[in-house]
Amino acid sequence: MDQGTVIELAQRALLVVIYVSAPMLGISLIVGLAVSIFQATTQIQEQTLAFIPKILAVLASITMFGAWMLRVLIEFTQNLYTNMNLYIR
């Protein structure tokens, strides 16, 4: 396996990781911002208040986007195994 192939596989793997993690990170960011605005408005400075809504939002996003995330990961893995003979020479 040459250097270009390894770099291409690493780039595709990182792109898949970004695609799969983006919905959870985005929703967590939005919920965190909303909780921060709520805390600033009400002047409640409880540090643990931000964790529970974020955890629930991430679980909800996994529930909503889980099938899509699994399909993306399965397609990447199948593509990797299908083209294995091209990678090993």
C-alpha atoms as a PDB file:
ATOM      1  CA  MET A   1       0.000   0.000   0.000  1.00  0.00           C
ATOM      2  CA  ASP A   2       1.534   3.294  -1.030  1.00  0.00           C
ATOM      3  CA  GLN A   3       1.495   6.582   0.790  1.00  0.00           C
ATOM      4  CA  GLY A   4      -1.254   8.153  -1.338  1.00  0.00           C
ATOM      5  CA  THR A   5      -3.653   5.298  -0.636  1.00  0.00           C
ATOM      6  CA  VAL A   6      -3.104   5.547   3.112  1.00  0.00           C
ATOM      7  CA  ILE A   7      -3.693   9.303   3.056  1.00  0.00           C
ATOM      8  CA  GLU A   8      -6.856   8.863   0.968  1.00  0.00           C
ATOM      9  CA  LEU A   9      -8.233   6.229   3.363  1.00  0.00           C
ATOM     10  CA  ALA A  10      -7.437   8.422   6.355  1.00  0.00           C
ATOM     11  CA  GLN A  11      -9.160  11.408   4.734  1.00  0.00           C
ATOM     12  CA  ARG A  12     -12.287   9.393   3.991  1.00  0.00           C
ATOM     13  CA  ALA A  13     -12.312   7.952   7.524  1.00  0.00           C
ATOM     14  CA  LEU A  14     -12.037  11.424   9.066  1.00  0.00           C
ATOM     15  CA  LEU A  15     -14.792  12.719   6.803  1.00  0.00           C
ATOM     16  CA  VAL A  16     -17.076   9.884   7.901  1.00  0.00           C
ATOM     17  CA  VAL A  17     -16.307  10.656  11.550  1.00  0.00           C
ATOM     18  CA  ILE A  18     -17.191  14.315  10.988  1.00  0.00           C
ATOM     19  CA  TYR A  19     -20.438  13.402   9.202  1.00  0.00           C
ATOM     20  CA  VAL A  20     -21.491  10.980  11.920  1.00  0.00           C
ATOM     21  CA  SER A  21     -20.640  13.225  14.871  1.00  0.00           C
ATOM     22  CA  ALA A  22     -21.950  16.504  13.418  1.00  0.00           C
ATOM     23  CA  PRO A  23     -25.655  16.079  14.349  1.00  0.00           C
ATOM     24  CA  MET A  24     -24.879  15.250  17.971  1.00  0.00           C
ATOM     25  CA  LEU A  25     -22.336  18.038  18.347  1.00  0.00           C
ATOM     26  CA  GLY A  26     -24.564  20.595  16.635  1.00  0.00           C
ATOM     27  CA  ILE A  27     -27.606  19.853  18.774  1.00  0.00           C
ATOM     28  CA  SER A  28     -25.464  19.794  21.913  1.00  0.00           C
ATOM     29  CA  LEU A  29     -24.020  23.181  20.958  1.00  0.00           C
ATOM     30  CA  ILE A  30     -27.477  24.699  20.425  1.00  0.00           C
ATOM     31  CA  VAL A  31     -28.824  23.305  23.702  1.00  0.00           C
ATOM     32  CA  GLY A  32     -25.716  24.476  25.568  1.00  0.00           C
ATOM     33  CA  LEU A  33     -26.125  27.958  24.163  1.00  0.00           C
ATOM     34  CA  ALA A  34     -29.796  28.030  25.141  1.00  0.00           C
ATOM     35  CA  VAL A  35     -28.994  26.884  28.689  1.00  0.00           C
ATOM     36  CA  SER A  36     -26.208  29.465  28.959  1.00  0.00           C
ATOM     37  CA  ILE A  37     -28.564  32.236  27.860  1.00  0.00           C
ATOM     38  CA  PHE A  38     -31.141  31.003  30.381  1.00  0.00           C
ATOM     39  CA  GLN A  39     -28.526  30.963  33.143  1.00  0.00           C
ATOM     40  CA  ALA A  40     -27.310  34.448  32.265  1.00  0.00           C
ATOM     41  CA  THR A  41     -30.858  35.794  32.149  1.00  0.00           C
ATOM     42  CA  THR A  42     -31.928  34.320  35.470  1.00  0.00           C
ATOM     43  CA  GLN A  43     -28.486  34.664  37.098  1.00  0.00           C
ATOM     44  CA  ILE A  44     -28.522  31.014  38.137  1.00  0.00           C
ATOM     45  CA  GLN A  45     -24.873  29.946  38.249  1.00  0.00           C
ATOM     46  CA  GLU A  46     -25.319  26.233  38.848  1.00  0.00           C
ATOM     47  CA  GLN A  47     -22.663  24.332  36.859  1.00  0.00           C
ATOM     48  CA  THR A  48     -24.550  21.033  36.760  1.00  0.00           C
ATOM     49  CA  LEU A  49     -27.640  22.637  35.197  1.00  0.00           C
ATOM     50  CA  ALA A  50     -26.088  22.508  31.719  1.00  0.00           C
ATOM     51  CA  PHE A  51     -25.292  18.784  31.736  1.00  0.00           C
ATOM     52  CA  ILE A  52     -28.744  17.194  31.951  1.00  0.00           C
ATOM     53  CA  PRO A  53     -30.295  19.067  28.973  1.00  0.00           C
ATOM     54  CA  LYS A  54     -27.184  18.362  26.878  1.00  0.00           C
ATOM     55  CA  ILE A  55     -27.264  14.657  27.710  1.00  0.00           C
ATOM     56  CA  LEU A  56     -30.957  14.457  26.867  1.00  0.00           C
ATOM     57  CA  ALA A  57     -30.398  16.365  23.623  1.00  0.00           C
ATOM     58  CA  VAL A  58     -27.563  14.042  22.576  1.00  0.00           C
ATOM     59  CA  LEU A  59     -29.692  10.974  23.352  1.00  0.00           C
ATOM     60  CA  ALA A  60     -32.556  12.473  21.335  1.00  0.00           C
ATOM     61  CA  SER A  61     -30.221  13.193  18.418  1.00  0.00           C
ATOM     62  CA  ILE A  62     -28.901   9.626  18.518  1.00  0.00           C
ATOM     63  CA  THR A  63     -32.500   8.433  18.409  1.00  0.00           C
ATOM     64  CA  MET A  64     -33.357  10.716  15.493  1.00  0.00           C
ATOM     65  CA  PHE A  65     -30.165  10.318  13.447  1.00  0.00           C
ATOM     66  CA  GLY A  66     -29.110   6.834  14.565  1.00  0.00           C
ATOM     67  CA  ALA A  67     -30.337   5.003  11.479  1.00  0.00           C
ATOM     68  CA  TRP A  68     -28.613   7.476   9.165  1.00  0.00           C
ATOM     69  CA  MET A  69     -25.383   7.342  11.176  1.00  0.00           C
ATOM     70  CA  LEU A  70     -25.393   3.551  11.107  1.00  0.00           C
ATOM     71  CA  ARG A  71     -26.023   3.528   7.347  1.00  0.00           C
ATOM     72  CA  VAL A  72     -23.074   5.890   6.739  1.00  0.00           C
ATOM     73  CA  LEU A  73     -20.778   3.723   8.856  1.00  0.00           C
ATOM     74  CA  ILE A  74     -21.958   0.504   7.197  1.00  0.00           C
ATOM     75  CA  GLU A  75     -21.467   1.953   3.699  1.00  0.00           C
ATOM     76  CA  PHE A  76     -17.941   3.077   4.579  1.00  0.00           C
ATOM     77  CA  THR A  77     -17.070  -0.316   6.050  1.00  0.00           C
ATOM     78  CA  GLN A  78     -18.563  -2.217   3.114  1.00  0.00           C
ATOM     79  CA  ASN A  79     -16.657  -0.002   0.683  1.00  0.00           C
ATOM     80  CA  LEU A  80     -13.478  -0.658   2.631  1.00  0.00           C
ATOM     81  CA  TYR A  81     -13.962  -4.438   2.617  1.00  0.00           C
ATOM     82  CA  THR A  82     -15.079  -4.515  -1.028  1.00  0.00           C
ATOM     83  CA  ASN A  83     -11.965  -2.691  -2.187  1.00  0.00           C
ATOM     84  CA  MET A  84      -9.594  -4.543   0.142  1.00  0.00           C
ATOM     85  CA  ASN A  85      -7.883  -6.287  -2.766  1.00  0.00           C
ATOM     86  CA  LEU A  86      -6.957  -2.884  -4.224  1.00  0.00           C
ATOM     87  CA  TYR A  87      -5.370  -1.763  -0.963  1.00  0.00           C
ATOM     88  CA  ILE A  88      -3.290  -4.885  -0.340  1.00  0.00           C
ATOM     89  CA  ARG A  89      -0.730  -5.504  -3.046  1.00  0.00           C
END
